[in-house]
């Protein structure tokens, strides 16, 4: 089953634009999401393959409307909720 992010081998998306001198993060919150995910994976809260699968399972409209790190944050929130981890607890 193909997911919204699975566009391998498809045509019609135009040329890939390489951005020179692009910073790794465009905002501080993106760096924090990256760090949070790294810590959670390193501490065994979830595995990297679970994280990737969760990003790829976002509903198509949500996936397409979100930026790269917004997708990461949505996946982290989903995985933590599945494991019963909550900031409000």
PDB file of N, CA and C in Angstrom:
ATOM      1  N   UNK A   1       0.840  -1.177   0.000  1.00  0.00           N
ATOM      2  CA  UNK A   1       0.000   0.000   0.000  1.00  0.00           C
ATOM      3  C   UNK A   1       0.891   1.248   0.000  1.00  0.00           C
ATOM      4  N   UNK A   2       0.652   2.121  -0.918  1.00  0.00           N
ATOM      5  CA  UNK A   2       1.434   3.346  -1.031  1.00  0.00           C
ATOM      6  C   UNK A   2       0.898   4.408  -0.080  1.00  0.00           C
ATOM      7  N   UNK A   3       1.820   5.108   0.554  1.00  0.00           N
ATOM      8  CA  UNK A   3       1.445   6.197   1.458  1.00  0.00           C
ATOM      9  C   UNK A   3       1.722   7.531   0.768  1.00  0.00           C
ATOM     10  N   UNK A   4       1.185   8.611   1.344  1.00  0.00           N
ATOM     11  CA  UNK A   4       1.294   9.933   0.727  1.00  0.00           C
ATOM     12  C   UNK A   4       2.748  10.349   0.507  1.00  0.00           C
ATOM     13  N   UNK A   5       3.645   9.915   1.356  1.00  0.00           N
ATOM     14  CA  UNK A   5       5.048  10.300   1.229  1.00  0.00           C
ATOM     15  C   UNK A   5       5.818   9.420   0.251  1.00  0.00           C
ATOM     16  N   UNK A   6       5.235   8.330  -0.197  1.00  0.00           N
ATOM     17  CA  UNK A   6       5.924   7.374  -1.060  1.00  0.00           C
ATOM     18  C   UNK A   6       5.766   7.783  -2.515  1.00  0.00           C
ATOM     19  N   UNK A   7       6.687   8.587  -3.003  1.00  0.00           N
ATOM     20  CA  UNK A   7       6.615   9.078  -4.373  1.00  0.00           C
ATOM     21  C   UNK A   7       7.763   8.536  -5.234  1.00  0.00           C
ATOM     22  N   UNK A   8       8.462   7.545  -4.715  1.00  0.00           N
ATOM     23  CA  UNK A   8       9.572   6.963  -5.457  1.00  0.00           C
ATOM     24  C   UNK A   8       9.137   6.432  -6.812  1.00  0.00           C
ATOM     25  N   UNK A   9       9.871   6.793  -7.846  1.00  0.00           N
ATOM     26  CA  UNK A   9       9.587   6.310  -9.186  1.00  0.00           C
ATOM     27  C   UNK A   9       8.481   7.070  -9.898  1.00  0.00           C
ATOM     28  N   UNK A  10       7.830   7.994  -9.215  1.00  0.00           N
ATOM     29  CA  UNK A  10       6.772   8.772  -9.855  1.00  0.00           C
ATOM     30  C   UNK A  10       7.364   9.989 -10.544  1.00  0.00           C
ATOM     31  N   UNK A  11       6.695  10.449 -11.561  1.00  0.00           N
ATOM     32  CA  UNK A  11       7.149  11.629 -12.288  1.00  0.00           C
ATOM     33  C   UNK A  11       6.149  12.767 -12.094  1.00  0.00           C
ATOM     34  N   UNK A  12       6.552  13.943 -12.522  1.00  0.00           N
ATOM     35  CA  UNK A  12       5.643  15.082 -12.484  1.00  0.00           C
ATOM     36  C   UNK A  12       5.828  16.000 -11.279  1.00  0.00           C
ATOM     37  N   UNK A  13       6.880  15.782 -10.511  1.00  0.00           N
ATOM     38  CA  UNK A  13       7.113  16.615  -9.338  1.00  0.00           C
ATOM     39  C   UNK A  13       8.119  17.729  -9.598  1.00  0.00           C
ATOM     40  N   UNK A  14       8.647  17.786 -10.800  1.00  0.00           N
ATOM     41  CA  UNK A  14       9.617  18.829 -11.127  1.00  0.00           C
ATOM     42  C   UNK A  14      11.008  18.466 -10.658  1.00  0.00           C
ATOM     43  N   UNK A  15      11.926  19.371 -10.938  1.00  0.00           N
ATOM     44  CA  UNK A  15      13.326  19.155 -10.571  1.00  0.00           C
ATOM     45  C   UNK A  15      13.520  19.339  -9.073  1.00  0.00           C
ATOM     46  N   UNK A  16      14.482  18.632  -8.543  1.00  0.00           N
ATOM     47  CA  UNK A  16      14.850  18.768  -7.137  1.00  0.00           C
ATOM     48  C   UNK A  16      15.713  20.011  -6.994  1.00  0.00           C
ATOM     49  N   UNK A  17      15.267  20.912  -6.138  1.00  0.00           N
ATOM     50  CA  UNK A  17      16.002  22.152  -5.934  1.00  0.00           C
ATOM     51  C   UNK A  17      16.940  21.995  -4.743  1.00  0.00           C
ATOM     52  N   UNK A  18      18.228  22.133  -4.980  1.00  0.00           N
ATOM     53  CA  UNK A  18      19.236  22.051  -3.920  1.00  0.00           C
ATOM     54  C   UNK A  18      19.475  23.462  -3.401  1.00  0.00           C
ATOM     55  N   UNK A  19      19.272  23.645  -2.102  1.00  0.00           N
ATOM     56  CA  UNK A  19      19.456  24.963  -1.501  1.00  0.00           C
ATOM     57  C   UNK A  19      20.868  25.058  -0.918  1.00  0.00           C
ATOM     58  N   UNK A  20      21.678  25.914  -1.486  1.00  0.00           N
ATOM     59  CA  UNK A  20      23.051  26.091  -1.012  1.00  0.00           C
ATOM     60  C   UNK A  20      23.051  26.895   0.283  1.00  0.00           C
ATOM     61  N   UNK A  21      23.956  26.547   1.166  1.00  0.00           N
ATOM     62  CA  UNK A  21      24.122  27.267   2.433  1.00  0.00           C
ATOM     63  C   UNK A  21      22.846  27.295   3.275  1.00  0.00           C
ATOM     64  N   UNK A  22      22.052  26.264   3.177  1.00  0.00           N
ATOM     65  CA  UNK A  22      20.816  26.180   3.951  1.00  0.00           C
ATOM     66  C   UNK A  22      21.149  25.784   5.387  1.00  0.00           C
ATOM     67  N   UNK A  23      20.600  26.491   6.382  1.00  0.00           N
ATOM     68  CA  UNK A  23      20.882  26.113   7.775  1.00  0.00           C
ATOM     69  C   UNK A  23      20.166  24.807   8.121  1.00  0.00           C
ATOM     70  N   UNK A  24      20.692  24.038   9.068  1.00  0.00           N
ATOM     71  CA  UNK A  24      20.032  22.779   9.430  1.00  0.00           C
ATOM     72  C   UNK A  24      18.660  23.000  10.068  1.00  0.00           C
ATOM     73  N   UNK A  25      18.488  24.133  10.724  1.00  0.00           N
ATOM     74  CA  UNK A  25      17.202  24.454  11.356  1.00  0.00           C
ATOM     75  C   UNK A  25      16.851  25.899  11.020  1.00  0.00           C
ATOM     76  N   UNK A  26      15.581  26.127  10.748  1.00  0.00           N
ATOM     77  CA  UNK A  26      15.128  27.477  10.429  1.00  0.00           C
ATOM     78  C   UNK A  26      14.601  28.220  11.649  1.00  0.00           C
ATOM     79  N   UNK A  27      14.367  27.487  12.720  1.00  0.00           N
ATOM     80  CA  UNK A  27      13.864  28.088  13.965  1.00  0.00           C
ATOM     81  C   UNK A  27      14.369  27.249  15.136  1.00  0.00           C
ATOM     82  N   UNK A  28      14.455  27.880  16.300  1.00  0.00           N
ATOM     83  CA  UNK A  28      14.939  27.177  17.491  1.00  0.00           C
ATOM     84  C   UNK A  28      14.092  25.959  17.835  1.00  0.00           C
ATOM     85  N   UNK A  29      12.771  26.049  17.627  1.00  0.00           N
ATOM     86  CA  UNK A  29      11.904  24.936  18.003  1.00  0.00           C
ATOM     87  C   UNK A  29      12.229  23.689  17.175  1.00  0.00           C
ATOM     88  N   UNK A  30      12.681  23.863  15.937  1.00  0.00           N
ATOM     89  CA  UNK A  30      13.038  22.707  15.112  1.00  0.00           C
ATOM     90  C   UNK A  30      14.226  21.969  15.717  1.00  0.00           C
ATOM     91  N   UNK A  31      15.209  22.701  16.192  1.00  0.00           N
ATOM     92  CA  UNK A  31      16.371  22.081  16.834  1.00  0.00           C
ATOM     93  C   UNK A  31      15.950  21.340  18.098  1.00  0.00           C
ATOM     94  N   UNK A  32      14.998  21.892  18.836  1.00  0.00           N
ATOM     95  CA  UNK A  32      14.523  21.234  20.059  1.00  0.00           C
ATOM     96  C   UNK A  32      13.765  19.941  19.737  1.00  0.00           C
ATOM     97  N   UNK A  33      12.971  19.952  18.666  1.00  0.00           N
ATOM     98  CA  UNK A  33      12.261  18.736  18.253  1.00  0.00           C
ATOM     99  C   UNK A  33      13.271  17.666  17.849  1.00  0.00           C
ATOM    100  N   UNK A  34      14.296  18.051  17.109  1.00  0.00           N
ATOM    101  CA  UNK A  34      15.344  17.118  16.713  1.00  0.00           C
ATOM    102  C   UNK A  34      16.015  16.516  17.946  1.00  0.00           C
ATOM    103  N   UNK A  35      16.377  17.380  18.905  1.00  0.00           N
ATOM    104  CA  UNK A  35      17.039  16.914  20.124  1.00  0.00           C
ATOM    105  C   UNK A  35      16.120  16.014  20.944  1.00  0.00           C
ATOM    106  N   UNK A  36      14.859  16.393  21.060  1.00  0.00           N
ATOM    107  CA  UNK A  36      13.902  15.583  21.814  1.00  0.00           C
ATOM    108  C   UNK A  36      13.784  14.190  21.221  1.00  0.00           C
ATOM    109  N   UNK A  37      13.666  14.108  19.909  1.00  0.00           N
ATOM    110  CA  UNK A  37      13.567  12.809  19.261  1.00  0.00           C
ATOM    111  C   UNK A  37      14.823  11.982  19.499  1.00  0.00           C
ATOM    112  N   UNK A  38      15.974  12.609  19.405  1.00  0.00           N
ATOM    113  CA  UNK A  38      17.245  11.904  19.639  1.00  0.00           C
ATOM    114  C   UNK A  38      17.305  11.317  21.045  1.00  0.00           C
ATOM    115  N   UNK A  39      16.908  12.105  22.032  1.00  0.00           N
ATOM    116  CA  UNK A  39      16.931  11.646  23.433  1.00  0.00           C
ATOM    117  C   UNK A  39      15.941  10.505  23.643  1.00  0.00           C
ATOM    118  N   UNK A  40      14.751  10.624  23.079  1.00  0.00           N
ATOM    119  CA  UNK A  40      13.739   9.579  23.260  1.00  0.00           C
ATOM    120  C   UNK A  40      14.167   8.256  22.630  1.00  0.00           C
ATOM    121  N   UNK A  41      14.767   8.327  21.438  1.00  0.00           N
ATOM    122  CA  UNK A  41      15.258   7.113  20.780  1.00  0.00           C
ATOM    123  C   UNK A  41      16.423   6.527  21.578  1.00  0.00           C
ATOM    124  N   UNK A  42      17.377   7.367  21.974  1.00  0.00           N
ATOM    125  CA  UNK A  42      18.554   6.904  22.720  1.00  0.00           C
ATOM    126  C   UNK A  42      18.171   6.250  24.045  1.00  0.00           C
ATOM    127  N   UNK A  43      17.100   6.726  24.667  1.00  0.00           N
ATOM    128  CA  UNK A  43      16.670   6.180  25.951  1.00  0.00           C
ATOM    129  C   UNK A  43      15.645   5.057  25.816  1.00  0.00           C
ATOM    130  N   UNK A  44      15.393   4.602  24.598  1.00  0.00           N
ATOM    131  CA  UNK A  44      14.540   3.450  24.376  1.00  0.00           C
ATOM    132  C   UNK A  44      13.054   3.684  24.571  1.00  0.00           C
ATOM    133  N   UNK A  45      12.635   4.943  24.541  1.00  0.00           N
ATOM    134  CA  UNK A  45      11.202   5.221  24.671  1.00  0.00           C
ATOM    135  C   UNK A  45      10.471   4.676  23.444  1.00  0.00           C
ATOM    136  N   UNK A  46      11.089   4.814  22.289  1.00  0.00           N
ATOM    137  CA  UNK A  46      10.614   4.176  21.062  1.00  0.00           C
ATOM    138  C   UNK A  46      11.819   4.002  20.154  1.00  0.00           C
ATOM    139  N   UNK A  47      11.621   3.191  19.113  1.00  0.00           N
ATOM    140  CA  UNK A  47      12.709   2.928  18.174  1.00  0.00           C
ATOM    141  C   UNK A  47      12.611   3.872  16.971  1.00  0.00           C
ATOM    142  N   UNK A  48      13.715   4.092  16.310  1.00  0.00           N
ATOM    143  CA  UNK A  48      13.751   4.986  15.164  1.00  0.00           C
ATOM    144  C   UNK A  48      12.820   4.502  14.050  1.00  0.00           C
ATOM    145  N   UNK A  49      12.745   3.182  13.847  1.00  0.00           N
ATOM    146  CA  UNK A  49      11.851   2.678  12.799  1.00  0.00           C
ATOM    147  C   UNK A  49      10.390   2.943  13.146  1.00  0.00           C
ATOM    148  N   UNK A  50      10.036   2.907  14.437  1.00  0.00           N
ATOM    149  CA  UNK A  50       8.673   3.241  14.861  1.00  0.00           C
ATOM    150  C   UNK A  50       8.380   4.715  14.585  1.00  0.00           C
ATOM    151  N   UNK A  51       9.365   5.547  14.866  1.00  0.00           N
ATOM    152  CA  UNK A  51       9.210   6.973  14.623  1.00  0.00           C
ATOM    153  C   UNK A  51       8.959   7.237  13.138  1.00  0.00           C
ATOM    154  N   UNK A  52       9.786   6.660  12.300  1.00  0.00           N
ATOM    155  CA  UNK A  52       9.632   6.868  10.853  1.00  0.00           C
ATOM    156  C   UNK A  52       8.268   6.374  10.371  1.00  0.00           C
ATOM    157  N   UNK A  53       7.857   5.203  10.834  1.00  0.00           N
ATOM    158  CA  UNK A  53       6.566   4.661  10.448  1.00  0.00           C
ATOM    159  C   UNK A  53       5.426   5.581  10.893  1.00  0.00           C
ATOM    160  N   UNK A  54       5.558   6.155  12.079  1.00  0.00           N
ATOM    161  CA  UNK A  54       4.525   7.041  12.592  1.00  0.00           C
ATOM    162  C   UNK A  54       4.443   8.322  11.759  1.00  0.00           C
ATOM    163  N   UNK A  55       5.581   8.863  11.362  1.00  0.00           N
ATOM    164  CA  UNK A  55       5.577  10.029  10.470  1.00  0.00           C
ATOM    165  C   UNK A  55       4.864   9.670   9.172  1.00  0.00           C
ATOM    166  N   UNK A  56       5.191   8.520   8.619  1.00  0.00           N
ATOM    167  CA  UNK A  56       4.636   8.123   7.325  1.00  0.00           C
ATOM    168  C   UNK A  56       3.152   7.768   7.400  1.00  0.00           C
ATOM    169  N   UNK A  57       2.629   7.488   8.581  1.00  0.00           N
ATOM    170  CA  UNK A  57       1.217   7.155   8.751  1.00  0.00           C
ATOM    171  C   UNK A  57       0.330   8.358   9.066  1.00  0.00           C
ATOM    172  N   UNK A  58       0.927   9.549   9.112  1.00  0.00           N
ATOM    173  CA  UNK A  58       0.094  10.730   9.314  1.00  0.00           C
ATOM    174  C   UNK A  58      -0.962  10.785   8.213  1.00  0.00           C
ATOM    175  N   UNK A  59      -2.166  11.239   8.541  1.00  0.00           N
ATOM    176  CA  UNK A  59      -3.186  11.369   7.489  1.00  0.00           C
ATOM    177  C   UNK A  59      -2.660  12.247   6.351  1.00  0.00           C
ATOM    178  N   UNK A  60      -2.974  11.909   5.106  1.00  0.00           N
ATOM    179  CA  UNK A  60      -2.415  12.647   3.961  1.00  0.00           C
ATOM    180  C   UNK A  60      -2.573  14.162   4.052  1.00  0.00           C
ATOM    181  N   UNK A  61      -3.729  14.654   4.430  1.00  0.00           N
ATOM    182  CA  UNK A  61      -3.933  16.105   4.503  1.00  0.00           C
ATOM    183  C   UNK A  61      -3.022  16.728   5.561  1.00  0.00           C
ATOM    184  N   UNK A  62      -2.859  16.054   6.694  1.00  0.00           N
ATOM    185  CA  UNK A  62      -1.985  16.546   7.759  1.00  0.00           C
ATOM    186  C   UNK A  62      -0.523  16.499   7.317  1.00  0.00           C
ATOM    187  N   UNK A  63      -0.138  15.401   6.681  1.00  0.00           N
ATOM    188  CA  UNK A  63       1.240  15.237   6.209  1.00  0.00           C
ATOM    189  C   UNK A  63       1.605  16.344   5.228  1.00  0.00           C
ATOM    190  N   UNK A  64       0.741  16.591   4.261  1.00  0.00           N
ATOM    191  CA  UNK A  64       1.038  17.568   3.216  1.00  0.00           C
ATOM    192  C   UNK A  64       0.998  19.008   3.719  1.00  0.00           C
ATOM    193  N   UNK A  65       0.209  19.273   4.758  1.00  0.00           N
ATOM    194  CA  UNK A  65       0.094  20.634   5.295  1.00  0.00           C
ATOM    195  C   UNK A  65       1.214  20.980   6.268  1.00  0.00           C
ATOM    196  N   UNK A  66       1.914  19.977   6.761  1.00  0.00           N
ATOM    197  CA  UNK A  66       2.921  20.185   7.808  1.00  0.00           C
ATOM    198  C   UNK A  66       4.320  20.353   7.219  1.00  0.00           C
ATOM    199  N   UNK A  67       5.145  21.104   7.938  1.00  0.00           N
ATOM    200  CA  UNK A  67       6.555  21.200   7.576  1.00  0.00           C
ATOM    201  C   UNK A  67       7.268  19.930   8.059  1.00  0.00           C
ATOM    202  N   UNK A  68       8.517  19.797   7.689  1.00  0.00           N
ATOM    203  CA  UNK A  68       9.308  18.618   8.041  1.00  0.00           C
ATOM    204  C   UNK A  68       9.300  18.366   9.549  1.00  0.00           C
ATOM    205  N   UNK A  69       9.646  19.389  10.331  1.00  0.00           N
ATOM    206  CA  UNK A  69       9.716  19.180  11.777  1.00  0.00           C
ATOM    207  C   UNK A  69       8.343  19.211  12.442  1.00  0.00           C
ATOM    208  N   UNK A  70       7.339  19.763  11.811  1.00  0.00           N
ATOM    209  CA  UNK A  70       5.966  19.629  12.322  1.00  0.00           C
ATOM    210  C   UNK A  70       5.532  18.167  12.239  1.00  0.00           C
ATOM    211  N   UNK A  71       5.936  17.484  11.182  1.00  0.00           N
ATOM    212  CA  UNK A  71       5.653  16.047  11.066  1.00  0.00           C
ATOM    213  C   UNK A  71       6.366  15.280  12.173  1.00  0.00           C
ATOM    214  N   UNK A  72       7.612  15.641  12.430  1.00  0.00           N
ATOM    215  CA  UNK A  72       8.369  14.988  13.507  1.00  0.00           C
ATOM    216  C   UNK A  72       7.645  15.183  14.831  1.00  0.00           C
ATOM    217  N   UNK A  73       7.221  16.406  15.124  1.00  0.00           N
ATOM    218  CA  UNK A  73       6.554  16.688  16.390  1.00  0.00           C
ATOM    219  C   UNK A  73       5.249  15.918  16.509  1.00  0.00           C
ATOM    220  N   UNK A  74       4.484  15.850  15.439  1.00  0.00           N
ATOM    221  CA  UNK A  74       3.233  15.080  15.461  1.00  0.00           C
ATOM    222  C   UNK A  74       3.512  13.607  15.745  1.00  0.00           C
ATOM    223  N   UNK A  75       4.558  13.067  15.148  1.00  0.00           N
ATOM    224  CA  UNK A  75       4.916  11.662  15.380  1.00  0.00           C
ATOM    225  C   UNK A  75       5.357  11.438  16.824  1.00  0.00           C
ATOM    226  N   UNK A  76       6.168  12.338  17.357  1.00  0.00           N
ATOM    227  CA  UNK A  76       6.613  12.225  18.751  1.00  0.00           C
ATOM    228  C   UNK A  76       5.405  12.247  19.680  1.00  0.00           C
ATOM    229  N   UNK A  77       4.495  13.185  19.465  1.00  0.00           N
ATOM    230  CA  UNK A  77       3.289  13.277  20.300  1.00  0.00           C
ATOM    231  C   UNK A  77       2.478  11.994  20.234  1.00  0.00           C
ATOM    232  N   UNK A  78       2.322  11.446  19.036  1.00  0.00           N
ATOM    233  CA  UNK A  78       1.564  10.200  18.862  1.00  0.00           C
ATOM    234  C   UNK A  78       2.226   9.049  19.607  1.00  0.00           C
ATOM    235  N   UNK A  79       3.536   8.906  19.449  1.00  0.00           N
ATOM    236  CA  UNK A  79       4.253   7.810  20.106  1.00  0.00           C
ATOM    237  C   UNK A  79       4.211   7.934  21.628  1.00  0.00           C
ATOM    238  N   UNK A  80       4.361   9.142  22.145  1.00  0.00           N
ATOM    239  CA  UNK A  80       4.307   9.331  23.597  1.00  0.00           C
ATOM    240  C   UNK A  80       2.908   9.056  24.133  1.00  0.00           C
ATOM    241  N   UNK A  81       1.904   9.448  23.373  1.00  0.00           N
ATOM    242  CA  UNK A  81       0.514   9.162  23.791  1.00  0.00           C
ATOM    243  C   UNK A  81       0.262   7.655  23.831  1.00  0.00           C
ATOM    244  N   UNK A  82       0.748   6.934  22.816  1.00  0.00           N
ATOM    245  CA  UNK A  82       0.592   5.480  22.781  1.00  0.00           C
ATOM    246  C   UNK A  82       1.224   4.795  24.004  1.00  0.00           C
ATOM    247  N   UNK A  83       2.298   5.394  24.496  1.00  0.00           N
ATOM    248  CA  UNK A  83       3.004   4.812  25.630  1.00  0.00           C
ATOM    249  C   UNK A  83       2.540   5.371  26.974  1.00  0.00           C
ATOM    250  N   UNK A  84       1.529   6.212  26.935  1.00  0.00           N
ATOM    251  CA  UNK A  84       0.981   6.747  28.173  1.00  0.00           C
ATOM    252  C   UNK A  84       1.820   7.827  28.810  1.00  0.00           C
ATOM    253  N   UNK A  85       2.719   8.435  28.019  1.00  0.00           N
ATOM    254  CA  UNK A  85       3.538   9.533  28.513  1.00  0.00           C
ATOM    255  C   UNK A  85       2.815  10.824  28.184  1.00  0.00           C
ATOM    256  N   UNK A  86       2.599  11.676  29.184  1.00  0.00           N
ATOM    257  CA  UNK A  86       1.868  12.909  28.944  1.00  0.00           C
ATOM    258  C   UNK A  86       2.463  14.025  29.778  1.00  0.00           C
ATOM    259  N   UNK A  87       2.543  15.212  29.203  1.00  0.00           N
ATOM    260  CA  UNK A  87       3.066  16.364  29.951  1.00  0.00           C
ATOM    261  C   UNK A  87       2.129  16.759  31.081  1.00  0.00           C
ATOM    262  N   UNK A  88       0.849  16.411  30.953  1.00  0.00           N
ATOM    263  CA  UNK A  88      -0.129  16.783  31.968  1.00  0.00           C
ATOM    264  C   UNK A  88      -0.195  15.824  33.133  1.00  0.00           C
ATOM    265  N   UNK A  89       0.534  14.710  33.066  1.00  0.00           N
ATOM    266  CA  UNK A  89       0.486  13.719  34.147  1.00  0.00           C
ATOM    267  C   UNK A  89       1.473  14.022  35.245  1.00  0.00           C
TER     268      UNK A  89
END
